[in-house]
PDB file of N, CA and C in Angstrom:
ATOM      1  N   UNK A   1       4.377  -9.648 -52.601  1.00  0.00           N
ATOM      2  CA  UNK A   1       5.685 -10.228 -52.837  1.00  0.00           C
ATOM      3  C   UNK A   1       6.734  -9.263 -52.332  1.00  0.00           C
ATOM      4  N   UNK A   2       7.726  -9.760 -51.620  1.00  0.00           N
ATOM      5  CA  UNK A   2       8.761  -8.900 -51.061  1.00  0.00           C
ATOM      6  C   UNK A   2      10.127  -9.339 -51.589  1.00  0.00           C
ATOM      7  N   UNK A   3      10.979  -8.379 -51.859  1.00  0.00           N
ATOM      8  CA  UNK A   3      12.329  -8.633 -52.353  1.00  0.00           C
ATOM      9  C   UNK A   3      13.297  -7.889 -51.436  1.00  0.00           C
ATOM     10  N   UNK A   4      14.196  -8.635 -50.789  1.00  0.00           N
ATOM     11  CA  UNK A   4      15.160  -8.015 -49.887  1.00  0.00           C
ATOM     12  C   UNK A   4      16.562  -8.213 -50.458  1.00  0.00           C
ATOM     13  N   UNK A   5      17.146  -7.166 -51.028  1.00  0.00           N
ATOM     14  CA  UNK A   5      18.502  -7.228 -51.555  1.00  0.00           C
ATOM     15  C   UNK A   5      19.253  -5.983 -51.127  1.00  0.00           C
ATOM     16  N   UNK A   6      20.481  -6.170 -50.711  1.00  0.00           N
ATOM     17  CA  UNK A   6      21.347  -5.063 -50.307  1.00  0.00           C
ATOM     18  C   UNK A   6      20.674  -4.149 -49.293  1.00  0.00           C
ATOM     19  N   UNK A   7      20.005  -4.741 -48.329  1.00  0.00           N
ATOM     20  CA  UNK A   7      19.329  -3.998 -47.258  1.00  0.00           C
ATOM     21  C   UNK A   7      18.252  -3.045 -47.763  1.00  0.00           C
ATOM     22  N   UNK A   8      17.788  -3.250 -48.966  1.00  0.00           N
ATOM     23  CA  UNK A   8      16.696  -2.452 -49.519  1.00  0.00           C
ATOM     24  C   UNK A   8      15.516  -3.393 -49.700  1.00  0.00           C
ATOM     25  N   UNK A   9      14.412  -3.030 -49.142  1.00  0.00           N
ATOM     26  CA  UNK A   9      13.238  -3.885 -49.283  1.00  0.00           C
ATOM     27  C   UNK A   9      12.296  -3.277 -50.309  1.00  0.00           C
ATOM     28  N   UNK A  10      11.812  -4.130 -51.168  1.00  0.00           N
ATOM     29  CA  UNK A  10      10.860  -3.720 -52.191  1.00  0.00           C
ATOM     30  C   UNK A  10       9.647  -4.625 -52.099  1.00  0.00           C
ATOM     31  N   UNK A  11       8.494  -4.028 -52.183  1.00  0.00           N
ATOM     32  CA  UNK A  11       7.255  -4.786 -52.150  1.00  0.00           C
ATOM     33  C   UNK A  11       6.530  -4.603 -53.469  1.00  0.00           C
ATOM     34  N   UNK A  12       6.013  -5.697 -53.984  1.00  0.00           N
ATOM     35  CA  UNK A  12       5.303  -5.664 -55.253  1.00  0.00           C
ATOM     36  C   UNK A  12       3.882  -6.159 -55.028  1.00  0.00           C
ATOM     37  N   UNK A  13       2.946  -5.457 -55.585  1.00  0.00           N
ATOM     38  CA  UNK A  13       1.562  -5.917 -55.549  1.00  0.00           C
ATOM     39  C   UNK A  13       1.351  -6.852 -56.742  1.00  0.00           C
ATOM     40  N   UNK A  14       0.993  -8.084 -56.447  1.00  0.00           N
ATOM     41  CA  UNK A  14       0.750  -9.049 -57.507  1.00  0.00           C
ATOM     42  C   UNK A  14      -0.738  -9.074 -57.816  1.00  0.00           C
ATOM     43  N   UNK A  15      -1.055  -8.952 -59.060  1.00  0.00           N
ATOM     44  CA  UNK A  15      -2.458  -8.989 -59.479  1.00  0.00           C
ATOM     45  C   UNK A  15      -2.940 -10.420 -59.544  1.00  0.00           C
ATOM     46  N   UNK A  16      -4.248 -10.559 -59.440  1.00  0.00           N
ATOM     47  CA  UNK A  16      -4.820 -11.886 -59.616  1.00  0.00           C
ATOM     48  C   UNK A  16      -4.633 -12.304 -61.068  1.00  0.00           C
ATOM     49  N   UNK A  17      -4.393 -13.576 -61.242  1.00  0.00           N
ATOM     50  CA  UNK A  17      -4.135 -14.106 -62.569  1.00  0.00           C
ATOM     51  C   UNK A  17      -5.433 -14.475 -63.277  1.00  0.00           C
ATOM     52  N   UNK A  18      -5.334 -14.597 -64.575  1.00  0.00           N
ATOM     53  CA  UNK A  18      -6.451 -15.141 -65.347  1.00  0.00           C
ATOM     54  C   UNK A  18      -6.482 -16.645 -65.081  1.00  0.00           C
ATOM     55  N   UNK A  19      -7.645 -17.277 -65.238  1.00  0.00           N
ATOM     56  CA  UNK A  19      -7.743 -18.712 -64.941  1.00  0.00           C
ATOM     57  C   UNK A  19      -6.701 -19.565 -65.664  1.00  0.00           C
ATOM     58  N   UNK A  20      -6.499 -19.304 -66.942  1.00  0.00           N
ATOM     59  CA  UNK A  20      -5.537 -20.101 -67.711  1.00  0.00           C
ATOM     60  C   UNK A  20      -4.123 -19.879 -67.193  1.00  0.00           C
ATOM     61  N   UNK A  21      -3.774 -18.631 -66.847  1.00  0.00           N
ATOM     62  CA  UNK A  21      -2.432 -18.341 -66.329  1.00  0.00           C
ATOM     63  C   UNK A  21      -2.218 -18.961 -64.949  1.00  0.00           C
ATOM     64  N   UNK A  22      -3.253 -18.932 -64.125  1.00  0.00           N
ATOM     65  CA  UNK A  22      -3.158 -19.556 -62.801  1.00  0.00           C
ATOM     66  C   UNK A  22      -2.942 -21.068 -62.945  1.00  0.00           C
ATOM     67  N   UNK A  23      -3.659 -21.686 -63.865  1.00  0.00           N
ATOM     68  CA  UNK A  23      -3.507 -23.123 -64.099  1.00  0.00           C
ATOM     69  C   UNK A  23      -2.121 -23.452 -64.639  1.00  0.00           C
ATOM     70  N   UNK A  24      -1.596 -22.614 -65.525  1.00  0.00           N
ATOM     71  CA  UNK A  24      -0.247 -22.846 -66.060  1.00  0.00           C
ATOM     72  C   UNK A  24       0.805 -22.712 -64.975  1.00  0.00           C
ATOM     73  N   UNK A  25       0.669 -21.706 -64.119  1.00  0.00           N
ATOM     74  CA  UNK A  25       1.622 -21.534 -63.023  1.00  0.00           C
ATOM     75  C   UNK A  25       1.588 -22.732 -62.090  1.00  0.00           C
ATOM     76  N   UNK A  26       0.398 -23.160 -61.727  1.00  0.00           N
ATOM     77  CA  UNK A  26       0.253 -24.330 -60.860  1.00  0.00           C
ATOM     78  C   UNK A  26       0.865 -25.557 -61.520  1.00  0.00           C
ATOM     79  N   UNK A  27       0.599 -25.739 -62.803  1.00  0.00           N
ATOM     80  CA  UNK A  27       1.119 -26.884 -63.542  1.00  0.00           C
ATOM     81  C   UNK A  27       2.650 -26.883 -63.563  1.00  0.00           C
ATOM     82  N   UNK A  28       3.240 -25.727 -63.796  1.00  0.00           N
ATOM     83  CA  UNK A  28       4.707 -25.638 -63.853  1.00  0.00           C
ATOM     84  C   UNK A  28       5.345 -25.849 -62.489  1.00  0.00           C
ATOM     85  N   UNK A  29       4.714 -25.348 -61.445  1.00  0.00           N
ATOM     86  CA  UNK A  29       5.272 -25.528 -60.106  1.00  0.00           C
ATOM     87  C   UNK A  29       5.144 -26.977 -59.637  1.00  0.00           C
ATOM     88  N   UNK A  30       4.098 -27.646 -60.080  1.00  0.00           N
ATOM     89  CA  UNK A  30       3.902 -29.053 -59.700  1.00  0.00           C
ATOM     90  C   UNK A  30       4.727 -30.007 -60.549  1.00  0.00           C
ATOM     91  N   UNK A  31       5.025 -29.608 -61.780  1.00  0.00           N
ATOM     92  CA  UNK A  31       5.723 -30.476 -62.728  1.00  0.00           C
ATOM     93  C   UNK A  31       5.003 -31.795 -62.939  1.00  0.00           C
ATOM     94  N   UNK A  32       3.678 -31.748 -62.947  1.00  0.00           N
ATOM     95  CA  UNK A  32       2.963 -33.014 -63.039  1.00  0.00           C
ATOM     96  C   UNK A  32       1.685 -32.954 -63.862  1.00  0.00           C
ATOM     97  N   UNK A  33       0.899 -31.912 -63.749  1.00  0.00           N
ATOM     98  CA  UNK A  33      -0.434 -31.891 -64.328  1.00  0.00           C
ATOM     99  C   UNK A  33      -0.506 -30.985 -65.547  1.00  0.00           C
ATOM    100  N   UNK A  34      -1.425 -31.294 -66.455  1.00  0.00           N
ATOM    101  CA  UNK A  34      -1.671 -30.420 -67.604  1.00  0.00           C
ATOM    102  C   UNK A  34      -2.556 -29.266 -67.163  1.00  0.00           C
ATOM    103  N   UNK A  35      -2.281 -28.087 -67.692  1.00  0.00           N
ATOM    104  CA  UNK A  35      -3.061 -26.922 -67.268  1.00  0.00           C
ATOM    105  C   UNK A  35      -4.532 -27.048 -67.672  1.00  0.00           C
ATOM    106  N   UNK A  36      -4.809 -27.783 -68.746  1.00  0.00           N
ATOM    107  CA  UNK A  36      -6.204 -27.957 -69.158  1.00  0.00           C
ATOM    108  C   UNK A  36      -6.980 -28.794 -68.133  1.00  0.00           C
ATOM    109  N   UNK A  37      -6.306 -29.786 -67.531  1.00  0.00           N
ATOM    110  CA  UNK A  37      -6.945 -30.586 -66.484  1.00  0.00           C
ATOM    111  C   UNK A  37      -7.197 -29.745 -65.240  1.00  0.00           C
ATOM    112  N   UNK A  38      -6.281 -28.840 -64.952  1.00  0.00           N
ATOM    113  CA  UNK A  38      -6.415 -27.977 -63.778  1.00  0.00           C
ATOM    114  C   UNK A  38      -7.586 -27.022 -63.970  1.00  0.00           C
ATOM    115  N   UNK A  39      -7.686 -26.414 -65.152  1.00  0.00           N
ATOM    116  CA  UNK A  39      -8.772 -25.475 -65.426  1.00  0.00           C
ATOM    117  C   UNK A  39     -10.123 -26.174 -65.323  1.00  0.00           C
ATOM    118  N   UNK A  40     -10.191 -27.426 -65.742  1.00  0.00           N
ATOM    119  CA  UNK A  40     -11.467 -28.145 -65.722  1.00  0.00           C
ATOM    120  C   UNK A  40     -11.854 -28.616 -64.314  1.00  0.00           C
ATOM    121  N   UNK A  41     -10.919 -28.584 -63.372  1.00  0.00           N
ATOM    122  CA  UNK A  41     -11.238 -28.967 -61.993  1.00  0.00           C
ATOM    123  C   UNK A  41     -11.685 -27.710 -61.240  1.00  0.00           C
ATOM    124  N   UNK A  42     -12.978 -27.508 -61.161  1.00  0.00           N
ATOM    125  CA  UNK A  42     -13.543 -26.271 -60.608  1.00  0.00           C
ATOM    126  C   UNK A  42     -13.220 -26.090 -59.126  1.00  0.00           C
ATOM    127  N   UNK A  43     -13.219 -27.186 -58.378  1.00  0.00           N
ATOM    128  CA  UNK A  43     -12.925 -27.089 -56.942  1.00  0.00           C
ATOM    129  C   UNK A  43     -11.480 -26.619 -56.720  1.00  0.00           C
ATOM    130  N   UNK A  44     -10.551 -27.142 -57.489  1.00  0.00           N
ATOM    131  CA  UNK A  44      -9.153 -26.714 -57.369  1.00  0.00           C
ATOM    132  C   UNK A  44      -8.999 -25.261 -57.791  1.00  0.00           C
ATOM    133  N   UNK A  45      -9.646 -24.870 -58.861  1.00  0.00           N
ATOM    134  CA  UNK A  45      -9.556 -23.475 -59.311  1.00  0.00           C
ATOM    135  C   UNK A  45     -10.130 -22.530 -58.260  1.00  0.00           C
ATOM    136  N   UNK A  46     -11.155 -22.979 -57.558  1.00  0.00           N
ATOM    137  CA  UNK A  46     -11.750 -22.146 -56.506  1.00  0.00           C
ATOM    138  C   UNK A  46     -10.754 -21.908 -55.373  1.00  0.00           C
ATOM    139  N   UNK A  47     -10.031 -22.962 -54.964  1.00  0.00           N
ATOM    140  CA  UNK A  47      -9.096 -22.783 -53.854  1.00  0.00           C
ATOM    141  C   UNK A  47      -7.801 -22.097 -54.286  1.00  0.00           C
ATOM    142  N   UNK A  48      -7.478 -22.146 -55.584  1.00  0.00           N
ATOM    143  CA  UNK A  48      -6.289 -21.431 -56.053  1.00  0.00           C
ATOM    144  C   UNK A  48      -6.499 -19.919 -55.993  1.00  0.00           C
ATOM    145  N   UNK A  49      -7.739 -19.490 -56.124  1.00  0.00           N
ATOM    146  CA  UNK A  49      -8.130 -18.083 -56.017  1.00  0.00           C
ATOM    147  C   UNK A  49      -7.423 -17.178 -57.035  1.00  0.00           C
ATOM    148  N   UNK A  50      -6.818 -17.736 -58.067  1.00  0.00           N
ATOM    149  CA  UNK A  50      -6.096 -16.969 -59.099  1.00  0.00           C
ATOM    150  C   UNK A  50      -5.013 -16.097 -58.479  1.00  0.00           C
ATOM    151  N   UNK A  51      -4.555 -16.477 -57.302  1.00  0.00           N
ATOM    152  CA  UNK A  51      -3.600 -15.703 -56.531  1.00  0.00           C
ATOM    153  C   UNK A  51      -2.258 -16.441 -56.517  1.00  0.00           C
ATOM    154  N   UNK A  52      -1.170 -15.806 -56.987  1.00  0.00           N
ATOM    155  CA  UNK A  52       0.126 -16.492 -57.019  1.00  0.00           C
ATOM    156  C   UNK A  52       0.588 -17.006 -55.652  1.00  0.00           C
ATOM    157  N   UNK A  53       0.336 -16.244 -54.600  1.00  0.00           N
ATOM    158  CA  UNK A  53       0.744 -16.669 -53.263  1.00  0.00           C
ATOM    159  C   UNK A  53      -0.039 -17.904 -52.828  1.00  0.00           C
ATOM    160  N   UNK A  54      -1.333 -17.903 -53.089  1.00  0.00           N
ATOM    161  CA  UNK A  54      -2.166 -19.053 -52.742  1.00  0.00           C
ATOM    162  C   UNK A  54      -1.761 -20.274 -53.571  1.00  0.00           C
ATOM    163  N   UNK A  55      -1.404 -20.050 -54.812  1.00  0.00           N
ATOM    164  CA  UNK A  55      -0.975 -21.155 -55.679  1.00  0.00           C
ATOM    165  C   UNK A  55       0.279 -21.809 -55.108  1.00  0.00           C
ATOM    166  N   UNK A  56       1.231 -21.005 -54.651  1.00  0.00           N
ATOM    167  CA  UNK A  56       2.452 -21.587 -54.072  1.00  0.00           C
ATOM    168  C   UNK A  56       2.146 -22.340 -52.785  1.00  0.00           C
ATOM    169  N   UNK A  57       1.177 -21.865 -52.001  1.00  0.00           N
ATOM    170  CA  UNK A  57       0.779 -22.596 -50.789  1.00  0.00           C
ATOM    171  C   UNK A  57       0.211 -23.969 -51.141  1.00  0.00           C
ATOM    172  N   UNK A  58      -0.638 -23.999 -52.160  1.00  0.00           N
ATOM    173  CA  UNK A  58      -1.253 -25.266 -52.566  1.00  0.00           C
ATOM    174  C   UNK A  58      -0.186 -26.217 -53.107  1.00  0.00           C
ATOM    175  N   UNK A  59       0.773 -25.693 -53.844  1.00  0.00           N
ATOM    176  CA  UNK A  59       1.866 -26.534 -54.361  1.00  0.00           C
ATOM    177  C   UNK A  59       2.677 -27.104 -53.192  1.00  0.00           C
ATOM    178  N   UNK A  60       2.911 -26.302 -52.159  1.00  0.00           N
ATOM    179  CA  UNK A  60       3.632 -26.791 -50.988  1.00  0.00           C
ATOM    180  C   UNK A  60       2.859 -27.920 -50.308  1.00  0.00           C
ATOM    181  N   UNK A  61       1.542 -27.767 -50.224  1.00  0.00           N
ATOM    182  CA  UNK A  61       0.715 -28.836 -49.650  1.00  0.00           C
ATOM    183  C   UNK A  61       0.823 -30.092 -50.508  1.00  0.00           C
ATOM    184  N   UNK A  62       0.805 -29.922 -51.830  1.00  0.00           N
ATOM    185  CA  UNK A  62       0.920 -31.065 -52.749  1.00  0.00           C
ATOM    186  C   UNK A  62       2.204 -31.841 -52.498  1.00  0.00           C
ATOM    187  N   UNK A  63       3.314 -31.107 -52.343  1.00  0.00           N
ATOM    188  CA  UNK A  63       4.607 -31.767 -52.124  1.00  0.00           C
ATOM    189  C   UNK A  63       4.725 -32.315 -50.701  1.00  0.00           C
ATOM    190  N   UNK A  64       4.180 -31.588 -49.738  1.00  0.00           N
ATOM    191  CA  UNK A  64       4.267 -32.012 -48.345  1.00  0.00           C
ATOM    192  C   UNK A  64       3.544 -33.329 -48.109  1.00  0.00           C
ATOM    193  N   UNK A  65       2.371 -33.488 -48.701  1.00  0.00           N
ATOM    194  CA  UNK A  65       1.560 -34.685 -48.486  1.00  0.00           C
ATOM    195  C   UNK A  65       1.656 -35.678 -49.646  1.00  0.00           C
ATOM    196  N   UNK A  66       2.543 -35.427 -50.582  1.00  0.00           N
ATOM    197  CA  UNK A  66       2.795 -36.335 -51.712  1.00  0.00           C
ATOM    198  C   UNK A  66       1.510 -36.687 -52.458  1.00  0.00           C
ATOM    199  N   UNK A  67       0.738 -35.678 -52.796  1.00  0.00           N
ATOM    200  CA  UNK A  67      -0.511 -35.883 -53.522  1.00  0.00           C
ATOM    201  C   UNK A  67      -0.206 -36.079 -55.004  1.00  0.00           C
ATOM    202  N   UNK A  68      -0.744 -37.142 -55.581  1.00  0.00           N
ATOM    203  CA  UNK A  68      -0.453 -37.428 -56.981  1.00  0.00           C
ATOM    204  C   UNK A  68      -1.650 -37.219 -57.905  1.00  0.00           C
ATOM    205  N   UNK A  69      -2.785 -36.768 -57.355  1.00  0.00           N
ATOM    206  CA  UNK A  69      -3.933 -36.425 -58.196  1.00  0.00           C
ATOM    207  C   UNK A  69      -4.478 -35.071 -57.749  1.00  0.00           C
ATOM    208  N   UNK A  70      -5.208 -34.442 -58.640  1.00  0.00           N
ATOM    209  CA  UNK A  70      -5.801 -33.147 -58.319  1.00  0.00           C
ATOM    210  C   UNK A  70      -6.830 -33.282 -57.199  1.00  0.00           C
ATOM    211  N   UNK A  71      -7.558 -34.383 -57.192  1.00  0.00           N
ATOM    212  CA  UNK A  71      -8.567 -34.601 -56.164  1.00  0.00           C
ATOM    213  C   UNK A  71      -7.920 -34.744 -54.786  1.00  0.00           C
ATOM    214  N   UNK A  72      -6.772 -35.408 -54.725  1.00  0.00           N
ATOM    215  CA  UNK A  72      -6.075 -35.558 -53.445  1.00  0.00           C
ATOM    216  C   UNK A  72      -5.531 -34.219 -52.954  1.00  0.00           C
ATOM    217  N   UNK A  73      -5.128 -33.356 -53.879  1.00  0.00           N
ATOM    218  CA  UNK A  73      -4.658 -32.020 -53.496  1.00  0.00           C
ATOM    219  C   UNK A  73      -5.804 -31.237 -52.865  1.00  0.00           C
ATOM    220  N   UNK A  74      -6.970 -31.283 -53.498  1.00  0.00           N
ATOM    221  CA  UNK A  74      -8.142 -30.574 -52.969  1.00  0.00           C
ATOM    222  C   UNK A  74      -8.502 -31.125 -51.594  1.00  0.00           C
ATOM    223  N   UNK A  75      -8.481 -32.457 -51.455  1.00  0.00           N
ATOM    224  CA  UNK A  75      -8.826 -33.077 -50.177  1.00  0.00           C
ATOM    225  C   UNK A  75      -7.810 -32.695 -49.096  1.00  0.00           C
ATOM    226  N   UNK A  76      -6.529 -32.703 -49.426  1.00  0.00           N
ATOM    227  CA  UNK A  76      -5.493 -32.336 -48.455  1.00  0.00           C
ATOM    228  C   UNK A  76      -5.645 -30.878 -48.025  1.00  0.00           C
ATOM    229  N   UNK A  77      -5.941 -30.006 -48.985  1.00  0.00           N
ATOM    230  CA  UNK A  77      -6.140 -28.588 -48.661  1.00  0.00           C
ATOM    231  C   UNK A  77      -7.344 -28.407 -47.746  1.00  0.00           C
ATOM    232  N   UNK A  78      -8.453 -29.028 -48.101  1.00  0.00           N
ATOM    233  CA  UNK A  78      -9.672 -28.894 -47.304  1.00  0.00           C
ATOM    234  C   UNK A  78      -9.473 -29.454 -45.893  1.00  0.00           C
ATOM    235  N   UNK A  79      -8.755 -30.569 -45.781  1.00  0.00           N
ATOM    236  CA  UNK A  79      -8.471 -31.150 -44.470  1.00  0.00           C
ATOM    237  C   UNK A  79      -7.604 -30.209 -43.646  1.00  0.00           C
ATOM    238  N   UNK A  80      -6.590 -29.632 -44.261  1.00  0.00           N
ATOM    239  CA  UNK A  80      -5.701 -28.710 -43.546  1.00  0.00           C
ATOM    240  C   UNK A  80      -6.471 -27.478 -43.070  1.00  0.00           C
ATOM    241  N   UNK A  81      -7.322 -26.926 -43.916  1.00  0.00           N
ATOM    242  CA  UNK A  81      -8.122 -25.758 -43.540  1.00  0.00           C
ATOM    243  C   UNK A  81      -9.074 -26.121 -42.400  1.00  0.00           C
ATOM    244  N   UNK A  82      -9.689 -27.302 -42.498  1.00  0.00           N
ATOM    245  CA  UNK A  82     -10.617 -27.747 -41.453  1.00  0.00           C
ATOM    246  C   UNK A  82      -9.892 -27.889 -40.115  1.00  0.00           C
ATOM    247  N   UNK A  83      -8.703 -28.463 -40.128  1.00  0.00           N
ATOM    248  CA  UNK A  83      -7.939 -28.631 -38.892  1.00  0.00           C
ATOM    249  C   UNK A  83      -7.517 -27.281 -38.309  1.00  0.00           C
ATOM    250  N   UNK A  84      -7.181 -26.330 -39.176  1.00  0.00           N
ATOM    251  CA  UNK A  84      -6.824 -24.995 -38.702  1.00  0.00           C
ATOM    252  C   UNK A  84      -8.021 -24.325 -38.033  1.00  0.00           C
ATOM    253  N   UNK A  85      -9.204 -24.477 -38.625  1.00  0.00           N
ATOM    254  CA  UNK A  85     -10.414 -23.895 -38.038  1.00  0.00           C
ATOM    255  C   UNK A  85     -10.725 -24.543 -36.686  1.00  0.00           C
ATOM    256  N   UNK A  86     -10.537 -25.854 -36.607  1.00  0.00           N
ATOM    257  CA  UNK A  86     -10.768 -26.547 -35.340  1.00  0.00           C
ATOM    258  C   UNK A  86      -9.801 -26.039 -34.275  1.00  0.00           C
ATOM    259  N   UNK A  87      -8.539 -25.869 -34.648  1.00  0.00           N
ATOM    260  CA  UNK A  87      -7.529 -25.385 -33.710  1.00  0.00           C
ATOM    261  C   UNK A  87      -7.866 -23.981 -33.221  1.00  0.00           C
ATOM    262  N   UNK A  88      -8.290 -23.110 -34.145  1.00  0.00           N
ATOM    263  CA  UNK A  88      -8.681 -21.749 -33.773  1.00  0.00           C
ATOM    264  C   UNK A  88      -9.876 -21.772 -32.828  1.00  0.00           C
ATOM    265  N   UNK A  89     -10.844 -22.627 -33.099  1.00  0.00           N
ATOM    266  CA  UNK A  89     -12.028 -22.742 -32.257  1.00  0.00           C
ATOM    267  C   UNK A  89     -11.642 -23.210 -30.848  1.00  0.00           C
ATOM    268  N   UNK A  90     -10.764 -24.208 -30.777  1.00  0.00           N
ATOM    269  CA  UNK A  90     -10.322 -24.715 -29.478  1.00  0.00           C
ATOM    270  C   UNK A  90      -9.560 -23.643 -28.709  1.00  0.00           C
ATOM    271  N   UNK A  91      -8.739 -22.874 -29.398  1.00  0.00           N
ATOM    272  CA  UNK A  91      -8.009 -21.787 -28.743  1.00  0.00           C
ATOM    273  C   UNK A  91      -8.973 -20.739 -28.204  1.00  0.00           C
ATOM    274  N   UNK A  92     -10.003 -20.417 -28.968  1.00  0.00           N
ATOM    275  CA  UNK A  92     -10.998 -19.446 -28.512  1.00  0.00           C
ATOM    276  C   UNK A  92     -11.746 -19.978 -27.287  1.00  0.00           C
ATOM    277  N   UNK A  93     -12.056 -21.272 -27.293  1.00  0.00           N
ATOM    278  CA  UNK A  93     -12.735 -21.878 -26.147  1.00  0.00           C
ATOM    279  C   UNK A  93     -11.870 -21.811 -24.898  1.00  0.00           C
ATOM    280  N   UNK A  94     -10.570 -22.102 -25.038  1.00  0.00           N
ATOM    281  CA  UNK A  94      -9.650 -22.042 -23.900  1.00  0.00           C
ATOM    282  C   UNK A  94      -9.544 -20.621 -23.365  1.00  0.00           C
ATOM    283  N   UNK A  95      -9.459 -19.651 -24.255  1.00  0.00           N
ATOM    284  CA  UNK A  95      -9.382 -18.260 -23.826  1.00  0.00           C
ATOM    285  C   UNK A  95     -10.648 -17.850 -23.077  1.00  0.00           C
ATOM    286  N   UNK A  96     -11.800 -18.274 -23.573  1.00  0.00           N
ATOM    287  CA  UNK A  96     -13.061 -17.946 -22.916  1.00  0.00           C
ATOM    288  C   UNK A  96     -13.125 -18.581 -21.534  1.00  0.00           C
ATOM    289  N   UNK A  97     -12.659 -19.826 -21.408  1.00  0.00           N
ATOM    290  CA  UNK A  97     -12.649 -20.497 -20.114  1.00  0.00           C
ATOM    291  C   UNK A  97     -11.707 -19.794 -19.138  1.00  0.00           C
ATOM    292  N   UNK A  98     -10.542 -19.376 -19.632  1.00  0.00           N
ATOM    293  CA  UNK A  98      -9.587 -18.681 -18.775  1.00  0.00           C
ATOM    294  C   UNK A  98     -10.151 -17.350 -18.290  1.00  0.00           C
ATOM    295  N   UNK A  99     -10.826 -16.625 -19.175  1.00  0.00           N
ATOM    296  CA  UNK A  99     -11.443 -15.359 -18.778  1.00  0.00           C
ATOM    297  C   UNK A  99     -12.523 -15.583 -17.738  1.00  0.00           C
ATOM    298  N   UNK A 100     -13.321 -16.627 -17.919  1.00  0.00           N
ATOM    299  CA  UNK A 100     -14.386 -16.935 -16.962  1.00  0.00           C
ATOM    300  C   UNK A 100     -13.794 -17.277 -15.598  1.00  0.00           C
ATOM    301  N   UNK A 101     -12.707 -18.049 -15.582  1.00  0.00           N
ATOM    302  CA  UNK A 101     -12.054 -18.394 -14.314  1.00  0.00           C
ATOM    303  C   UNK A 101     -11.480 -17.154 -13.636  1.00  0.00           C
ATOM    304  N   UNK A 102     -10.888 -16.272 -14.421  1.00  0.00           N
ATOM    305  CA  UNK A 102     -10.335 -15.039 -13.860  1.00  0.00           C
ATOM    306  C   UNK A 102     -11.441 -14.173 -13.257  1.00  0.00           C
ATOM    307  N   UNK A 103     -12.575 -14.098 -13.933  1.00  0.00           N
ATOM    308  CA  UNK A 103     -13.682 -13.310 -13.418  1.00  0.00           C
ATOM    309  C   UNK A 103     -14.236 -13.921 -12.123  1.00  0.00           C
ATOM    310  N   UNK A 104     -14.289 -15.245 -12.061  1.00  0.00           N
ATOM    311  CA  UNK A 104     -14.763 -15.915 -10.846  1.00  0.00           C
ATOM    312  C   UNK A 104     -13.805 -15.648  -9.694  1.00  0.00           C
ATOM    313  N   UNK A 105     -12.506 -15.705  -9.971  1.00  0.00           N
ATOM    314  CA  UNK A 105     -11.506 -15.467  -8.927  1.00  0.00           C
ATOM    315  C   UNK A 105     -11.556 -14.021  -8.443  1.00  0.00           C
ATOM    316  N   UNK A 106     -11.803 -13.076  -9.319  1.00  0.00           N
ATOM    317  CA  UNK A 106     -11.879 -11.677  -8.936  1.00  0.00           C
ATOM    318  C   UNK A 106     -13.126 -11.412  -8.097  1.00  0.00           C
ATOM    319  N   UNK A 107     -14.215 -12.108  -8.342  1.00  0.00           N
ATOM    320  CA  UNK A 107     -15.445 -11.912  -7.598  1.00  0.00           C
ATOM    321  C   UNK A 107     -15.338 -12.485  -6.173  1.00  0.00           C
ATOM    322  N   UNK A 108     -14.467 -13.458  -6.002  1.00  0.00           N
ATOM    323  CA  UNK A 108     -14.326 -14.076  -4.680  1.00  0.00           C
ATOM    324  C   UNK A 108     -13.427 -13.262  -3.843  1.00  0.00           C
TER     325      UNK A 108
END
């Protein structure tokens, strides 16, 4: 976490939260779900990682895609991660092809 005030930057190390605290934070940021329901959803708790930064990312995904159930939040997160991995893979493939073409051109 970073705080920039009066041209002074401060960085804070945030500790991982306890499961109940992570669920309460998620619940308050969403303004929709009970923390007990969040704790009982193991897949959601796994992706929250008890990390405040990750929790805010998941809340942003919830609002961005207008997810109204915990299952839809998990599905939206998993889809977004899958698409990011696909994009990274495609970028790596393009880079490999470009390197191969450059090597062929240098050999000629």
